[in-house]
N, C-alpha and C. Protein backbone atom coordinates (compact mmCIF):
# COMPACT_ATOMS: atom_id res chain seq x y z
N MET A 1 80.78 24.59 5.24
CA MET A 1 81.59 24.04 6.21
C MET A 1 82.29 25.28 6.35
N SER A 2 81.77 26.54 6.11
CA SER A 2 82.47 27.30 6.06
C SER A 2 81.36 28.36 7.24
N SER A 3 80.35 28.09 7.08
CA SER A 3 79.34 28.78 8.03
C SER A 3 78.94 27.78 9.22
N VAL A 4 79.31 26.59 9.03
CA VAL A 4 79.64 25.71 10.17
C VAL A 4 80.54 26.40 11.54
N THR A 5 82.22 26.75 10.76
CA THR A 5 83.04 27.65 11.83
C THR A 5 82.65 28.39 11.78
N ALA A 6 82.08 29.22 10.81
CA ALA A 6 82.13 31.23 11.55
C ALA A 6 80.97 30.81 12.60
N ALA A 7 79.71 29.67 13.12
CA ALA A 7 78.87 29.63 14.50
C ALA A 7 79.92 29.53 15.01
N VAL A 8 80.85 28.20 15.20
CA VAL A 8 81.53 27.64 16.00
C VAL A 8 82.57 28.52 16.49
N LYS A 9 83.08 29.77 15.45
CA LYS A 9 83.66 31.10 16.37
C LYS A 9 82.97 31.89 16.75
N LYS A 10 81.68 32.11 16.41
CA LYS A 10 81.01 32.38 17.24
C LYS A 10 80.70 32.78 18.75
N VAL A 11 80.13 31.20 18.71
CA VAL A 11 80.12 31.01 20.23
C VAL A 11 81.07 30.76 20.93
N ALA A 12 82.32 30.38 20.29
CA ALA A 12 83.63 30.01 21.37
C ALA A 12 84.15 31.31 21.64
N VAL A 13 83.79 33.18 21.78
CA VAL A 13 84.34 34.00 21.45
C VAL A 13 82.84 34.58 23.06
N LYS A 14 83.75 34.60 24.13
CA LYS A 14 82.69 35.17 24.88
C LYS A 14 82.70 35.97 25.66
N LYS A 15 82.20 37.43 25.95
CA LYS A 15 82.66 38.56 26.65
C LYS A 15 83.26 38.89 28.04
N VAL A 16 84.18 39.51 28.73
CA VAL A 16 84.47 38.57 29.96
C VAL A 16 84.45 40.57 30.81
N ALA A 17 83.48 39.66 31.90
CA ALA A 17 83.00 41.19 31.81
C ALA A 17 84.11 42.00 33.40
N LYS A 18 83.76 43.36 33.01
CA LYS A 18 85.21 44.28 33.52
C LYS A 18 84.05 44.37 35.07
N LYS A 19 85.51 43.93 35.70
CA LYS A 19 85.11 45.25 37.22
C LYS A 19 84.70 46.49 36.88
N PRO A 20 84.21 46.94 38.20
CA PRO A 20 84.11 48.57 38.31
C PRO A 20 85.26 48.85 38.39
N THR A 21 85.85 49.97 38.29
CA THR A 21 86.53 50.85 39.27
C THR A 21 86.36 51.36 40.02
N PRO A 22 86.72 51.06 41.87
CA PRO A 22 86.59 52.43 42.50
C PRO A 22 86.67 54.08 42.14
N ALA A 23 85.66 54.99 42.61
CA ALA A 23 85.84 56.09 42.63
C ALA A 23 87.10 56.35 43.07
N ILE A 24 87.93 57.67 42.43
CA ILE A 24 89.02 58.44 42.97
C ILE A 24 88.24 59.29 44.42
N HIS A 25 86.64 59.67 44.02
CA HIS A 25 86.23 60.74 45.03
C HIS A 25 86.02 60.10 46.34
N PRO A 26 85.45 60.93 47.32
CA PRO A 26 84.33 60.13 48.05
C PRO A 26 83.29 60.07 47.77
N THR A 27 82.37 59.86 48.21
CA THR A 27 80.76 59.46 47.94
C THR A 27 80.36 61.01 47.89
N TYR A 28 79.00 60.98 47.15
CA TYR A 28 78.65 62.66 47.06
C TYR A 28 77.84 62.60 48.69
N LYS A 29 77.62 61.75 49.32
CA LYS A 29 76.89 62.10 50.57
C LYS A 29 78.32 63.24 50.94
N GLU A 30 79.04 62.39 51.13
CA GLU A 30 80.08 63.24 51.81
C GLU A 30 80.37 64.44 51.55
N MET A 31 80.71 64.44 50.01
CA MET A 31 81.31 66.37 48.94
C MET A 31 80.46 66.74 49.54
N VAL A 32 78.85 66.35 49.50
CA VAL A 32 77.81 67.92 49.67
C VAL A 32 77.87 68.09 51.07
N ILE A 33 78.46 67.29 51.83
CA ILE A 33 77.95 68.02 53.15
C ILE A 33 79.29 68.92 53.47
N ALA A 34 80.34 68.37 53.47
CA ALA A 34 81.78 69.00 53.15
C ALA A 34 81.82 70.27 52.49
N ALA A 35 81.61 70.24 51.45
CA ALA A 35 81.36 71.44 50.43
C ALA A 35 80.14 72.66 51.69
N ILE A 36 78.67 71.85 52.01
CA ILE A 36 77.72 73.32 52.51
C ILE A 36 78.39 73.49 53.80
N GLY A 37 79.59 72.45 54.35
CA GLY A 37 80.15 73.14 56.03
C GLY A 37 81.27 74.30 55.45
N ASP A 38 81.72 74.15 54.18
CA ASP A 38 83.24 74.71 53.98
C ASP A 38 82.90 76.39 53.04
N LEU A 39 81.75 76.32 52.49
CA LEU A 39 80.92 77.18 52.33
C LEU A 39 80.38 78.34 53.24
N LYS A 40 80.30 78.03 54.27
CA LYS A 40 79.88 78.81 55.45
C LYS A 40 78.54 80.02 54.49
N GLU A 41 78.21 79.90 54.31
CA GLU A 41 76.89 80.28 54.10
C GLU A 41 75.58 80.48 54.74
N ARG A 42 75.37 81.81 55.26
CA ARG A 42 74.61 82.32 56.36
C ARG A 42 73.20 81.63 56.08
N LYS A 43 72.69 82.00 54.92
CA LYS A 43 71.31 81.53 54.97
C LYS A 43 71.58 80.40 53.62
N GLY A 44 72.69 79.47 53.69
CA GLY A 44 72.13 78.35 53.09
C GLY A 44 72.79 78.63 51.84
N SER A 45 73.01 77.42 51.15
CA SER A 45 74.37 77.34 50.33
C SER A 45 73.04 76.65 49.12
N SER A 46 73.28 77.22 47.73
CA SER A 46 72.22 77.22 46.54
C SER A 46 72.98 76.00 46.01
N ARG A 47 72.42 74.40 45.21
CA ARG A 47 73.04 73.59 44.43
C ARG A 47 73.83 74.07 43.70
N GLN A 48 73.94 74.80 42.85
CA GLN A 48 74.79 75.38 42.03
C GLN A 48 76.41 75.91 42.83
N ALA A 49 76.18 76.59 43.74
CA ALA A 49 77.10 76.71 44.63
C ALA A 49 77.93 75.22 45.04
N ILE A 50 77.30 74.49 45.89
CA ILE A 50 78.04 73.39 46.29
C ILE A 50 78.48 72.84 45.06
N LEU A 51 77.34 72.63 43.91
CA LEU A 51 77.92 71.82 42.91
C LEU A 51 79.85 72.43 42.31
N LYS A 52 79.72 73.24 41.85
CA LYS A 52 81.33 73.62 41.43
C LYS A 52 82.01 74.02 43.12
N TYR A 53 81.70 73.87 43.95
CA TYR A 53 82.52 73.34 44.85
C TYR A 53 83.40 71.80 44.76
N ILE A 54 82.00 71.05 44.29
CA ILE A 54 82.68 69.91 44.39
C ILE A 54 83.13 69.72 43.24
N LYS A 55 83.32 70.34 41.82
CA LYS A 55 83.76 70.44 40.55
C LYS A 55 85.14 70.84 41.12
N GLU A 56 85.44 71.82 42.29
CA GLU A 56 87.02 72.85 41.96
C GLU A 56 87.69 71.54 42.71
N ASN A 57 87.36 70.84 43.83
CA ASN A 57 87.99 70.23 44.58
C ASN A 57 88.17 68.48 45.16
N ASN A 58 87.61 68.19 43.65
CA ASN A 58 87.17 66.63 43.73
C ASN A 58 87.60 65.80 42.07
N LYS A 59 88.23 65.03 42.12
CA LYS A 59 87.51 64.82 40.31
C LYS A 59 86.34 64.13 40.06
N VAL A 60 85.43 64.95 39.52
CA VAL A 60 84.22 64.04 39.19
C VAL A 60 83.52 63.92 37.61
N ASN A 61 83.21 63.37 37.16
CA ASN A 61 82.16 63.41 35.96
C ASN A 61 81.23 64.29 35.77
N ASP A 62 81.22 64.85 34.06
CA ASP A 62 80.51 65.98 33.66
C ASP A 62 78.63 65.39 34.49
N SER A 63 78.67 63.82 35.19
CA SER A 63 77.46 63.58 35.42
C SER A 63 77.10 63.95 36.37
N ALA A 64 78.38 64.62 37.63
CA ALA A 64 77.79 64.87 39.02
C ALA A 64 76.61 65.52 39.08
N ASP A 65 75.94 66.57 38.63
CA ASP A 65 74.97 67.32 38.53
C ASP A 65 73.69 66.71 39.19
N LEU A 66 73.60 65.36 38.18
CA LEU A 66 72.54 64.53 38.55
C LEU A 66 72.32 64.03 39.77
N PHE A 67 74.13 63.49 40.42
CA PHE A 67 74.49 63.07 41.21
C PHE A 67 74.16 63.83 42.84
N VAL A 68 74.38 65.03 42.21
CA VAL A 68 74.08 65.67 43.22
C VAL A 68 73.23 66.17 43.72
N LYS A 69 72.23 66.11 42.63
CA LYS A 69 70.58 66.88 42.97
C LYS A 69 69.76 65.29 44.36
N SER A 70 70.12 64.55 43.27
CA SER A 70 69.31 63.01 44.31
C SER A 70 69.69 62.81 45.17
N THR A 71 71.39 63.28 45.65
CA THR A 71 71.88 62.85 47.03
C THR A 71 71.61 64.04 47.96
N LEU A 72 71.26 65.49 48.03
CA LEU A 72 70.99 66.54 48.28
C LEU A 72 68.98 66.16 48.80
N VAL A 73 68.25 65.69 47.31
CA VAL A 73 66.69 65.33 48.11
C VAL A 73 66.73 64.35 48.81
N LYS A 74 68.09 63.24 48.83
CA LYS A 74 68.16 62.37 49.95
C LYS A 74 68.57 62.61 51.21
N LEU A 75 68.90 63.71 51.74
CA LEU A 75 69.85 64.14 52.64
C LEU A 75 69.05 65.23 53.74
N VAL A 76 67.87 65.65 52.63
CA VAL A 76 66.67 66.20 53.05
C VAL A 76 66.12 65.41 53.92
N VAL A 77 65.43 65.11 53.22
CA VAL A 77 64.69 63.63 53.61
C VAL A 77 65.24 62.83 54.74
N SER A 78 66.09 62.63 54.87
CA SER A 78 66.90 61.72 56.32
C SER A 78 67.33 62.85 57.38
N GLY A 79 67.38 64.03 57.30
CA GLY A 79 67.37 64.95 57.81
C GLY A 79 69.07 65.42 58.34
N SER A 80 69.85 65.20 57.14
CA SER A 80 70.76 65.58 57.18
C SER A 80 71.34 66.90 56.99
N LEU A 81 70.64 67.37 55.98
CA LEU A 81 70.59 68.30 55.97
C LEU A 81 68.90 69.16 55.63
N VAL A 82 69.08 70.51 56.37
CA VAL A 82 67.84 71.27 56.40
C VAL A 82 67.71 72.67 54.90
N GLN A 83 66.31 71.89 54.69
CA GLN A 83 66.04 73.23 53.08
C GLN A 83 65.77 73.92 53.77
N VAL A 84 66.38 75.37 53.60
CA VAL A 84 65.99 76.91 53.89
C VAL A 84 64.54 77.19 52.72
N SER A 85 65.10 77.24 51.36
CA SER A 85 63.94 77.54 50.96
C SER A 85 64.08 76.94 49.42
N GLY A 86 63.07 76.51 49.12
CA GLY A 86 62.71 76.03 47.74
C GLY A 86 62.00 75.08 47.86
N LYS A 87 62.00 74.15 46.68
CA LYS A 87 61.50 72.48 46.68
C LYS A 87 62.30 71.74 46.15
N GLY A 88 62.49 69.90 46.58
CA GLY A 88 63.13 69.04 45.92
C GLY A 88 65.03 69.45 45.87
N ALA A 89 65.06 69.66 44.71
CA ALA A 89 66.66 69.86 44.80
C ALA A 89 67.14 71.52 44.33
N SER A 90 66.52 72.67 44.62
CA SER A 90 66.12 73.87 43.79
C SER A 90 65.66 74.27 45.67
N GLY A 91 66.46 76.10 45.62
CA GLY A 91 66.70 76.43 46.73
C GLY A 91 68.17 76.60 47.29
N SER A 92 68.06 76.51 49.10
CA SER A 92 69.17 76.67 49.29
C SER A 92 68.98 75.67 50.62
N PHE A 93 70.61 74.82 50.48
CA PHE A 93 70.29 74.05 51.90
C PHE A 93 71.47 74.19 53.13
N LYS A 94 70.91 74.00 54.33
CA LYS A 94 71.93 73.92 55.30
C LYS A 94 72.26 72.51 56.11
N LEU A 95 73.28 72.75 56.96
CA LEU A 95 73.30 71.89 57.58
C LEU A 95 72.00 71.83 59.43
N PRO A 96 71.98 71.26 59.54
CA PRO A 96 71.50 71.24 60.68
C PRO A 96 71.73 71.38 61.85
N LYS A 97 71.69 72.85 62.69
CA LYS A 97 71.89 72.48 64.15
C LYS A 97 72.08 71.97 65.25
N PRO A 98 73.70 71.19 65.41
CA PRO A 98 73.65 70.60 66.35
C PRO A 98 73.01 70.15 67.64
N GLU A 99 72.18 69.44 68.35
CA GLU A 99 71.39 69.10 69.14
C GLU A 99 72.08 69.19 70.79
N ASN A 100 72.20 70.02 71.82
CA ASN A 100 72.74 70.05 72.63
C ASN A 100 71.86 69.35 73.43
N LYS A 101 72.49 68.13 74.38
CA LYS A 101 71.69 66.78 74.40
C LYS A 101 72.40 67.74 76.23
N LYS A 102 71.16 68.18 77.06
CA LYS A 102 70.80 68.49 78.13
C LYS A 102 71.26 68.17 79.64
N ALA A 103 72.54 67.80 80.11
CA ALA A 103 72.53 66.54 81.57
C ALA A 103 71.42 66.95 82.20
N ALA A 104 71.06 66.40 83.13
CA ALA A 104 70.46 66.13 83.70
C ALA A 104 70.48 66.68 84.74
N PRO A 105 69.73 67.63 85.14
CA PRO A 105 70.01 68.94 86.42
C PRO A 105 70.28 68.23 87.51
N LYS A 106 71.63 68.99 87.95
CA LYS A 106 72.11 68.66 89.15
C LYS A 106 70.94 68.86 90.28
N THR A 107 71.21 67.67 91.04
CA THR A 107 70.86 68.12 92.00
C THR A 107 71.00 68.87 93.97
N LYS A 108 70.74 69.41 94.22
CA LYS A 108 71.55 70.47 95.67
C LYS A 108 71.25 69.38 96.49
N LYS A 109 72.17 69.45 96.94
CA LYS A 109 72.79 68.12 98.32
C LYS A 109 72.19 69.43 99.70
N VAL A 110 71.36 68.94 100.23
CA VAL A 110 71.09 69.63 101.50
C VAL A 110 71.96 69.27 102.80
N ALA A 111 72.11 69.99 103.50
CA ALA A 111 72.95 69.20 104.22
C ALA A 111 72.16 68.68 105.27
N ALA A 112 72.42 67.44 106.34
CA ALA A 112 71.76 67.22 107.61
C ALA A 112 71.89 67.59 108.42
N LYS A 113 70.49 68.30 108.83
CA LYS A 113 70.67 68.73 110.13
C LYS A 113 70.63 68.05 111.71
N LYS A 114 72.34 68.60 112.76
CA LYS A 114 72.74 67.73 113.63
C LYS A 114 71.74 68.58 114.10
N ASN A 115 71.19 67.40 115.25
CA ASN A 115 70.42 68.36 116.95
C ASN A 115 71.34 67.69 117.49
N SER A 116 71.78 68.47 118.30
CA SER A 116 72.40 68.76 119.94
C SER A 116 71.57 68.89 121.28
């Protein structure tokens, strides 16, 4: 009987899945873009400098390095960042220059000739 009650107790205990808590910090994409914008380095910001800025200004885990690396690669592929030097997550990164949309050239109005 004791083996039957032990088996019943094991079946009766079910684990309740915990809902993941939302992160306290913004997305890594937003943090990386903000870091590069605030660092304002002329030749681009390195991954190490970006990571240091993010750790100082946001509450992130120790695994932030992995997320920053993958985010940098994704942003370069999507065109949101420009990689100045290096390959992959190494090297320097800059924000792309905003494209100036040129307005259509204004046509000069030619005054109508009056025949008198």
